[in-house]
Amino acid sequence: MPRPPCRAIGRRAHPSLVVDNLSHLLNDHIDLAIHFGVPPDSSTVTKQMTDNYRVTCASPSYIAAHDKPTQTDALADLDFIFLLISTKPSSGRRFSRDGKTVNVRVPAHRAHATDGGAVAREWALEGRGIVMKSIWDGAGA
């Protein structure tokens, strides 16, 4: 039986738990913060909890409505959901398999963008497109 993501367990036990919020650990009296990537402050004491990587996710309804691509070029014919993590928009996706990396340019009319991880996940579950999500988030969907 698959384990639910850490945040799902924490939310059930602690309903007032705040997630997806940038906080200042000292000023906001935070005891614990889970951060993805390099900490912004080098004086912060950190410990890696686990590996984190992105996985390609799509809803069953999206997969059923679209032919499975057999060539990399066919990926450009699919809809993608982009999570904006900077002010620079992205127009492509990088896929790796068996040690080979392929860059796919996504046409503007096939791209949906948001700066909210929860929104990107919801859009994917609604069947709006393919999204790259953290394994922590994709595993529980």
Protein backbone atom coordinates (compact mmCIF):
# COMPACT_ATOMS: atom_id res chain seq x y z
CA MET A 1 0.00 0.00 0.00
CA PRO A 2 1.54 3.37 -1.00
CA ARG A 3 2.34 5.80 1.77
CA PRO A 4 0.70 9.23 1.65
CA PRO A 5 3.05 12.19 1.24
CA CYS A 6 4.49 13.68 4.44
CA ARG A 7 2.39 16.82 4.15
CA ALA A 8 -0.85 14.82 3.97
CA ILE A 9 -0.02 13.02 7.21
CA GLY A 10 0.94 16.29 8.88
CA ARG A 11 -2.25 18.04 7.76
CA ARG A 12 -4.45 15.31 9.25
CA ALA A 13 -2.68 15.40 12.59
CA HIS A 14 -2.27 19.21 12.63
CA PRO A 15 -5.05 20.94 10.63
CA SER A 16 -3.64 24.42 11.31
CA LEU A 17 -0.32 23.49 9.71
CA VAL A 18 0.70 26.17 7.20
CA VAL A 19 2.12 24.95 3.90
CA ASP A 20 3.33 26.66 0.73
CA ASN A 21 4.15 29.82 2.64
CA LEU A 22 7.44 31.71 2.75
CA SER A 23 8.29 32.61 6.33
CA HIS A 24 11.18 34.06 8.24
CA LEU A 25 12.16 31.35 10.72
CA LEU A 26 13.21 33.68 13.54
CA ASN A 27 10.78 36.58 13.10
CA ASP A 28 7.75 34.29 12.68
CA HIS A 29 8.76 31.95 15.55
CA ILE A 30 8.87 28.91 13.28
CA ASP A 31 10.16 25.67 14.83
CA LEU A 32 10.52 23.68 11.62
CA ALA A 33 10.43 24.49 7.93
CA ILE A 34 10.66 22.18 4.95
CA HIS A 35 12.45 23.90 2.09
CA PHE A 36 13.00 22.71 -1.46
CA GLY A 37 16.33 23.60 -3.02
CA VAL A 38 19.22 25.61 -1.65
CA PRO A 39 18.39 27.55 1.54
CA PRO A 40 18.38 31.32 0.95
CA ASP A 41 20.36 31.95 4.13
CA SER A 42 23.70 30.16 4.51
CA SER A 43 23.55 30.51 8.32
CA THR A 44 20.46 28.29 8.50
CA VAL A 45 20.98 24.87 10.03
CA THR A 46 19.72 22.30 7.54
CA LYS A 47 19.46 18.55 7.16
CA GLN A 48 18.44 16.73 4.01
CA MET A 49 15.35 14.65 4.76
CA THR A 50 15.13 12.76 1.50
CA ASP A 51 15.85 13.04 -2.18
CA ASN A 52 13.43 15.15 -4.17
CA TYR A 53 12.95 15.00 -7.90
CA ARG A 54 10.26 15.89 -10.38
CA VAL A 55 7.97 13.42 -12.07
CA THR A 56 5.70 13.84 -15.08
CA CYS A 57 2.04 13.67 -14.04
CA ALA A 58 -1.31 13.71 -15.84
CA SER A 59 -4.83 12.72 -14.89
CA PRO A 60 -6.36 9.48 -16.15
CA SER A 61 -8.88 11.55 -18.14
CA TYR A 62 -6.10 13.49 -19.90
CA ILE A 63 -4.21 10.30 -20.71
CA ALA A 64 -7.38 8.64 -22.05
CA ALA A 65 -8.18 11.65 -24.27
CA HIS A 66 -4.74 11.87 -25.92
CA ASP A 67 -2.71 9.39 -27.88
CA LYS A 68 0.48 8.25 -26.19
CA PRO A 69 3.35 9.97 -27.98
CA THR A 70 5.76 7.60 -29.69
CA GLN A 71 8.22 10.30 -30.80
CA THR A 72 9.67 13.18 -28.80
CA ASP A 73 8.36 15.69 -31.36
CA ALA A 74 4.80 14.57 -30.59
CA LEU A 75 5.11 15.95 -27.04
CA ALA A 76 4.70 19.47 -28.47
CA ASP A 77 1.14 18.47 -29.45
CA LEU A 78 0.19 17.98 -25.79
CA ASP A 79 -0.91 20.53 -23.17
CA PHE A 80 1.54 21.40 -20.40
CA ILE A 81 1.07 23.12 -17.06
CA PHE A 82 4.02 25.24 -15.96
CA LEU A 83 4.73 26.18 -12.38
CA LEU A 84 6.40 29.58 -12.46
CA ILE A 85 9.17 29.69 -9.88
CA SER A 86 10.73 32.89 -11.13
CA THR A 87 9.68 35.89 -13.16
CA LYS A 88 11.07 34.24 -16.29
CA PRO A 89 8.41 32.26 -18.17
CA SER A 90 9.32 28.84 -19.48
CA SER A 91 8.48 27.66 -22.98
CA GLY A 92 9.80 24.15 -22.80
CA ARG A 93 10.25 20.95 -20.89
CA ARG A 94 13.25 18.71 -20.45
CA PHE A 95 12.74 14.97 -20.34
CA SER A 96 15.35 12.38 -19.43
CA ARG A 97 15.21 8.66 -20.04
CA ASP A 98 17.92 6.04 -20.04
CA GLY A 99 20.59 8.73 -19.68
CA LYS A 100 19.37 10.74 -22.68
CA THR A 101 17.92 14.24 -22.26
CA VAL A 102 15.52 15.83 -24.73
CA ASN A 103 14.28 19.43 -24.70
CA VAL A 104 10.73 19.95 -25.94
CA ARG A 105 9.51 23.40 -26.94
CA VAL A 106 5.87 23.86 -25.95
CA PRO A 107 3.79 26.21 -28.16
CA ALA A 108 2.14 29.09 -26.26
CA HIS A 109 -1.37 27.82 -27.03
CA ARG A 110 -0.47 24.50 -25.34
CA ALA A 111 0.95 26.06 -22.15
CA HIS A 112 -0.91 26.90 -18.95
CA ALA A 113 1.07 28.78 -16.28
CA THR A 114 0.54 29.46 -12.59
CA ASP A 115 2.72 30.49 -9.66
CA GLY A 116 0.85 28.20 -7.27
CA GLY A 117 1.78 24.56 -6.82
CA ALA A 118 -1.70 23.68 -5.57
CA VAL A 119 -3.26 25.30 -8.65
CA ALA A 120 -0.93 23.38 -10.98
CA ARG A 121 -1.86 20.12 -9.25
CA GLU A 122 -5.59 20.92 -9.42
CA TRP A 123 -5.39 21.77 -13.13
CA ALA A 124 -3.62 18.48 -13.79
CA LEU A 125 -6.24 16.53 -11.83
CA GLU A 126 -8.95 18.33 -13.85
CA GLY A 127 -7.33 17.04 -17.05
CA ARG A 128 -5.98 20.35 -18.35
CA GLY A 129 -2.54 18.98 -19.17
CA ILE A 130 0.74 17.42 -18.11
CA VAL A 131 2.63 18.83 -15.15
CA MET A 132 6.04 18.25 -13.61
CA LYS A 133 5.57 17.91 -9.86
CA SER A 134 7.75 17.00 -6.93
CA ILE A 135 7.63 13.29 -6.17
CA TRP A 136 6.24 14.34 -2.77
CA ASP A 137 3.18 15.83 -4.45
CA GLY A 138 2.77 13.49 -7.40
CA ALA A 139 2.87 10.32 -5.30
CA GLY A 140 -0.33 11.15 -3.44
CA ALA A 141 -2.51 12.03 -6.42
